[in-house]
Amino acid sequence: MTAGPQNPYAPPAGEGAFHPGDDVAGPIDVDQQLEAIRPTAALKAAVGCVAISGVLAALAALQLWDAVILFGVVRFVPYALAVVGIASIVLSLKLYRQRVWAAVTALVLWAVSALGCGLWFLLSASSGFVSLIALLLPLAGALSATLSAVALGGCRRTAAARRRLAAHGLDVDF
């Protein structure tokens, strides 16, 4: 017999408290987990930079199609820039939803693209075609890759919080 009324909402006896290192075991603080899901300033900066880099890549493709006639292998550069631009814009939307795969993809895409765009700028400038967009694109790409790498930790934290909440019956994945 107990001395008074028991709390029906208390965790069962014998279970320990929730620790941040635990994946899904034990009770959770829902408010703390929902706070972990909120987008951080670093993530918002990464999303904006990836989207702006995508727009710059698409504009560079349009500029090349309109301003110059390319021959040989370099005639595929505007198509590559258009694909990178459109993919980057779509990727920024997935990155805002804090998907780990989107952060990794944006990191790899813009690390490779920044190098390629830098080489393209050097080639086109040495041929006499100097463009402000082509000058800004490698810098924006390098910044996008860096900010995507910074946002990767927050995306992983969000994925872990979503798993913990889902294991306790609260599905916050959208």
Protein backbone atom coordinates (compact mmCIF):
# COMPACT_ATOMS: atom_id res chain seq x y z
CA MET A 1 0.00 0.00 0.00
CA THR A 2 1.18 3.49 -0.76
CA ALA A 3 0.83 6.53 1.46
CA GLY A 4 -0.80 8.82 -1.13
CA PRO A 5 -1.86 9.16 -4.75
CA GLN A 6 0.83 8.35 -7.28
CA ASN A 7 1.58 10.39 -10.34
CA PRO A 8 0.18 8.43 -13.32
CA TYR A 9 2.42 10.39 -15.69
CA ALA A 10 5.70 9.58 -13.95
CA PRO A 11 8.14 7.28 -15.80
CA PRO A 12 8.13 3.66 -14.68
CA ALA A 13 10.42 2.84 -11.78
CA GLY A 14 13.80 1.54 -12.81
CA GLU A 15 14.15 3.59 -15.99
CA GLY A 16 16.90 6.18 -15.98
CA ALA A 17 16.72 9.71 -17.20
CA PHE A 18 17.25 10.60 -20.83
CA HIS A 19 20.79 11.57 -21.77
CA PRO A 20 21.66 13.43 -25.01
CA GLY A 21 23.86 10.51 -26.09
CA ASP A 22 20.96 8.04 -25.85
CA ASP A 23 19.30 7.46 -29.19
CA VAL A 24 15.76 6.50 -28.24
CA ALA A 25 15.94 5.00 -24.73
CA GLY A 26 14.16 6.51 -21.78
CA PRO A 27 11.75 9.40 -21.46
CA ILE A 28 12.32 12.49 -23.52
CA ASP A 29 11.72 16.18 -23.06
CA VAL A 30 9.53 17.02 -26.06
CA ASP A 31 10.23 20.75 -25.85
CA GLN A 32 13.98 20.12 -25.88
CA GLN A 33 13.66 17.82 -28.90
CA LEU A 34 11.44 20.29 -30.78
CA GLU A 35 14.01 23.00 -30.07
CA ALA A 36 16.69 20.76 -31.60
CA ILE A 37 14.64 20.57 -34.81
CA ARG A 38 14.46 24.34 -35.34
CA PRO A 39 16.66 25.66 -38.16
CA THR A 40 19.81 27.39 -36.97
CA ALA A 41 21.34 30.56 -38.39
CA ALA A 42 24.13 28.50 -39.98
CA LEU A 43 21.58 26.35 -41.77
CA LYS A 44 19.67 29.38 -43.03
CA ALA A 45 22.93 30.92 -44.29
CA ALA A 46 23.79 27.67 -46.07
CA VAL A 47 20.36 27.47 -47.67
CA GLY A 48 20.57 31.05 -48.89
CA CYS A 49 24.08 30.66 -50.23
CA VAL A 50 23.31 27.39 -52.02
CA ALA A 51 20.21 28.95 -53.60
CA ILE A 52 22.09 32.09 -54.67
CA SER A 53 24.90 29.99 -56.10
CA GLY A 54 22.32 28.01 -58.07
CA VAL A 55 20.80 31.20 -59.47
CA LEU A 56 24.27 32.46 -60.42
CA ALA A 57 25.03 29.18 -62.20
CA ALA A 58 21.76 29.36 -64.13
CA LEU A 59 22.44 32.99 -65.06
CA ALA A 60 25.95 32.08 -66.20
CA ALA A 61 24.47 29.38 -68.44
CA LEU A 62 22.00 31.86 -69.92
CA GLN A 63 24.78 34.36 -70.46
CA LEU A 64 26.93 31.82 -72.28
CA TRP A 65 24.06 30.72 -74.50
CA ASP A 66 23.34 34.34 -75.42
CA ALA A 67 26.79 35.93 -75.66
CA VAL A 68 29.21 33.43 -77.20
CA ILE A 69 29.40 30.53 -79.60
CA LEU A 70 31.34 27.65 -78.12
CA PHE A 71 33.03 24.84 -80.03
CA GLY A 72 34.42 21.49 -79.06
CA VAL A 73 34.03 20.07 -75.60
CA VAL A 74 33.43 23.48 -74.01
CA ARG A 75 30.07 23.75 -75.76
CA PHE A 76 28.68 21.57 -72.95
CA VAL A 77 29.67 24.06 -70.22
CA PRO A 78 26.38 26.03 -70.35
CA TYR A 79 24.40 22.80 -70.07
CA ALA A 80 26.47 21.72 -67.06
CA LEU A 81 25.99 25.12 -65.44
CA ALA A 82 22.23 24.95 -66.03
CA VAL A 83 22.01 21.48 -64.47
CA VAL A 84 24.10 22.55 -61.47
CA GLY A 85 21.99 25.69 -61.05
CA ILE A 86 18.63 23.95 -61.16
CA ALA A 87 19.85 21.09 -58.97
CA SER A 88 21.23 23.56 -56.46
CA ILE A 89 17.96 25.47 -56.21
CA VAL A 90 16.04 22.24 -55.59
CA LEU A 91 18.74 21.08 -53.17
CA SER A 92 18.43 24.28 -51.14
CA LEU A 93 14.77 23.45 -50.48
CA LYS A 94 15.71 20.00 -49.17
CA LEU A 95 18.54 21.51 -47.16
CA TYR A 96 16.08 23.83 -45.42
CA ARG A 97 14.18 20.72 -44.35
CA GLN A 98 17.48 19.71 -42.69
CA ARG A 99 18.12 16.51 -44.59
CA VAL A 100 21.58 15.10 -43.98
CA TRP A 101 21.83 13.80 -47.55
CA ALA A 102 21.06 17.30 -48.88
CA ALA A 103 23.86 18.86 -46.84
CA VAL A 104 26.34 16.23 -48.03
CA THR A 105 25.17 16.57 -51.64
CA ALA A 106 25.42 20.37 -51.53
CA LEU A 107 28.88 20.11 -50.01
CA VAL A 108 30.15 17.77 -52.73
CA LEU A 109 28.31 19.51 -55.58
CA TRP A 110 29.64 22.96 -54.77
CA ALA A 111 33.14 21.82 -53.85
CA VAL A 112 33.50 20.25 -57.30
CA SER A 113 31.59 23.06 -59.03
CA ALA A 114 33.68 25.79 -57.41
CA LEU A 115 36.82 24.16 -58.76
CA GLY A 116 35.30 23.69 -62.20
CA CYS A 117 33.90 27.22 -62.32
CA GLY A 118 37.26 28.63 -61.28
CA LEU A 119 38.95 26.76 -64.11
CA TRP A 120 36.22 27.91 -66.52
CA PHE A 121 36.73 31.53 -65.48
CA LEU A 122 40.47 31.27 -66.08
CA LEU A 123 39.90 29.67 -69.49
CA SER A 124 37.24 32.14 -70.59
CA ALA A 125 39.15 35.17 -69.27
CA SER A 126 42.31 34.07 -71.05
CA SER A 127 40.26 33.85 -74.25
CA GLY A 128 38.99 37.41 -73.84
CA PHE A 129 35.52 36.77 -72.33
CA VAL A 130 35.47 38.31 -68.86
CA SER A 131 32.21 38.04 -66.96
CA LEU A 132 31.31 39.23 -63.49
CA ILE A 133 29.04 36.21 -63.01
CA ALA A 134 31.87 33.87 -63.96
CA LEU A 135 34.11 35.68 -61.47
CA LEU A 136 31.59 35.44 -58.62
CA LEU A 137 30.52 31.84 -59.24
CA PRO A 138 33.67 30.10 -57.87
CA LEU A 139 33.60 32.31 -54.78
CA ALA A 140 29.91 31.65 -54.17
CA GLY A 141 30.46 27.94 -54.77
CA ALA A 142 33.31 27.76 -52.26
CA LEU A 143 31.19 29.62 -49.71
CA SER A 144 28.26 27.27 -50.38
CA ALA A 145 30.45 24.22 -49.83
CA THR A 146 31.83 25.66 -46.60
CA LEU A 147 28.43 26.62 -45.21
CA SER A 148 26.98 23.23 -46.19
CA ALA A 149 29.76 21.57 -44.20
CA VAL A 150 28.92 23.78 -41.20
CA ALA A 151 25.19 22.97 -41.52
CA LEU A 152 25.88 19.23 -41.64
CA GLY A 153 26.16 18.96 -37.83
CA GLY A 154 22.81 20.67 -37.31
CA CYS A 155 21.17 18.39 -39.87
CA ARG A 156 22.52 15.33 -38.05
CA ARG A 157 21.26 16.69 -34.72
CA THR A 158 17.82 17.25 -36.26
CA ALA A 159 17.73 13.74 -37.74
CA ALA A 160 18.55 12.26 -34.31
CA ALA A 161 15.86 14.36 -32.62
CA ARG A 162 13.32 13.29 -35.24
CA ARG A 163 14.20 9.63 -34.62
CA ARG A 164 13.82 10.04 -30.86
CA LEU A 165 10.46 11.76 -31.22
CA ALA A 166 9.23 9.17 -33.73
CA ALA A 167 10.24 6.36 -31.38
CA HIS A 168 7.99 7.91 -28.76
CA GLY A 169 5.03 8.29 -31.07
CA LEU A 170 5.44 11.89 -32.25
CA ASP A 171 6.17 12.01 -35.96
CA VAL A 172 7.48 15.47 -36.87
CA ASP A 173 8.99 14.54 -40.21
CA PHE A 174 7.51 16.58 -43.01
